[in-house]
Amino acid sequence: MYVVMNELHVPVEGRENVSNRFAESNKKMRQVPGCLDFMFLSPEDNTNFQIVLTKWDKKEAYESWVNSDAFKHAHKKRRENLDKSPTTGNKIYAYHVDHHL
């Protein structure tokens, strides 16, 4: 299994907009080959970041999705929506799962 965490650096005032945009992703990610789980996490306080957490059956499935037209289309919407939810950056963390319950 392969896990990818995208830490989104979004000002507090833009977080609701970002969360709403990712609501669409929940349904779409079910159709992506190799995607086992998709979660959008919002922090309990204003000091942490919003997180997109995905689980994949293997790294190659994740890489195929990142290189897909669907991924490019989804991120085009983000660029078009920057005025409503300006991000100041993000950081990707990727992990191979050694142990899992």
Protein backbone atom coordinates (compact mmCIF):
# COMPACT_ATOMS: atom_id res chain seq x y z
CA MET A 1 0.00 0.00 0.00
CA TYR A 2 1.06 3.58 -0.69
CA VAL A 3 -0.19 6.67 1.19
CA VAL A 4 0.04 10.27 0.03
CA MET A 5 -0.69 13.25 2.23
CA ASN A 6 -1.06 16.71 0.71
CA GLU A 7 -0.74 19.42 3.36
CA LEU A 8 -2.66 22.46 2.07
CA HIS A 9 -1.55 25.86 3.29
CA VAL A 10 -4.81 27.80 3.15
CA PRO A 11 -5.68 30.94 5.12
CA VAL A 12 -8.51 30.39 7.59
CA GLU A 13 -10.93 32.51 5.54
CA GLY A 14 -10.46 30.27 2.47
CA ARG A 15 -10.81 26.89 4.17
CA GLU A 16 -14.56 26.49 3.78
CA ASN A 17 -14.27 27.12 0.04
CA VAL A 18 -11.47 24.56 -0.29
CA SER A 19 -13.43 22.01 1.72
CA ASN A 20 -16.47 22.53 -0.50
CA ARG A 21 -14.39 22.04 -3.64
CA PHE A 22 -12.98 18.77 -2.32
CA ALA A 23 -16.50 17.46 -1.64
CA GLU A 24 -16.70 16.74 -5.38
CA SER A 25 -13.47 14.75 -5.23
CA ASN A 26 -14.92 12.21 -2.83
CA LYS A 27 -17.18 10.73 -5.51
CA LYS A 28 -14.67 11.03 -8.34
CA MET A 29 -11.84 9.33 -6.46
CA ARG A 30 -13.97 6.18 -6.09
CA GLN A 31 -13.60 5.74 -9.86
CA VAL A 32 -9.80 6.09 -9.94
CA PRO A 33 -8.10 2.71 -10.45
CA GLY A 34 -5.98 1.74 -7.47
CA CYS A 35 -7.37 4.38 -5.10
CA LEU A 36 -8.36 2.65 -1.87
CA ASP A 37 -9.35 5.64 0.24
CA PHE A 38 -9.72 9.41 0.03
CA MET A 39 -10.05 11.74 3.00
CA PHE A 40 -10.18 15.51 3.30
CA LEU A 41 -9.22 16.58 6.82
CA SER A 42 -9.89 19.96 8.41
CA PRO A 43 -8.04 20.94 11.56
CA GLU A 44 -9.74 21.51 14.89
CA ASP A 45 -7.90 24.80 15.32
CA ASN A 46 -6.46 27.53 13.14
CA THR A 47 -2.82 26.60 13.63
CA ASN A 48 -2.83 23.43 11.53
CA PHE A 49 -3.34 22.77 7.84
CA GLN A 50 -6.06 21.10 5.82
CA ILE A 51 -4.94 17.68 4.60
CA VAL A 52 -5.84 15.52 1.62
CA LEU A 53 -5.01 11.90 2.48
CA THR A 54 -5.18 9.19 -0.16
CA LYS A 55 -4.41 5.49 0.06
CA TRP A 56 -3.38 3.50 -3.00
CA ASP A 57 -2.89 -0.18 -3.71
CA LYS A 58 0.55 0.67 -5.12
CA LYS A 59 2.72 3.66 -5.98
CA GLU A 60 2.20 3.16 -9.71
CA ALA A 61 -1.56 3.68 -9.33
CA TYR A 62 -0.94 7.04 -7.66
CA GLU A 63 1.54 8.06 -10.36
CA SER A 64 -0.92 7.07 -13.11
CA TRP A 65 -3.58 9.25 -11.53
CA VAL A 66 -1.23 12.24 -11.15
CA ASN A 67 -0.37 11.96 -14.84
CA SER A 68 -4.00 11.56 -15.95
CA ASP A 69 -6.25 14.04 -17.73
CA ALA A 70 -8.70 13.77 -14.80
CA PHE A 71 -6.02 15.03 -12.39
CA LYS A 72 -5.11 17.90 -14.70
CA HIS A 73 -8.77 18.85 -15.10
CA ALA A 74 -9.36 18.80 -11.32
CA HIS A 75 -6.38 21.03 -10.68
CA LYS A 76 -7.38 23.43 -13.43
CA LYS A 77 -10.46 24.21 -11.34
CA ARG A 78 -8.17 25.03 -8.41
CA ARG A 79 -6.23 27.55 -10.48
CA GLU A 80 -9.47 29.16 -11.64
CA ASN A 81 -10.71 29.42 -8.05
CA LEU A 82 -7.62 30.97 -6.43
CA ASP A 83 -9.34 34.27 -5.67
CA LYS A 84 -11.87 32.49 -3.43
CA SER A 85 -9.39 30.20 -1.70
CA PRO A 86 -5.87 31.50 -2.02
CA THR A 87 -3.36 28.89 -1.05
CA THR A 88 0.03 29.97 0.13
CA GLY A 89 1.50 26.60 -0.75
CA ASN A 90 1.37 22.92 -0.05
CA LYS A 91 3.65 20.04 0.84
CA ILE A 92 3.35 16.45 -0.35
CA TYR A 93 4.31 13.55 1.90
CA ALA A 94 4.40 10.03 0.44
CA TYR A 95 4.84 6.78 2.32
CA HIS A 96 5.10 3.08 1.64
CA VAL A 97 3.03 1.22 4.23
CA ASP A 98 5.11 -1.34 6.11
CA HIS A 99 2.42 -2.44 8.56
CA HIS A 100 -1.36 -2.13 8.44
CA LEU A 101 -4.24 -3.43 10.49
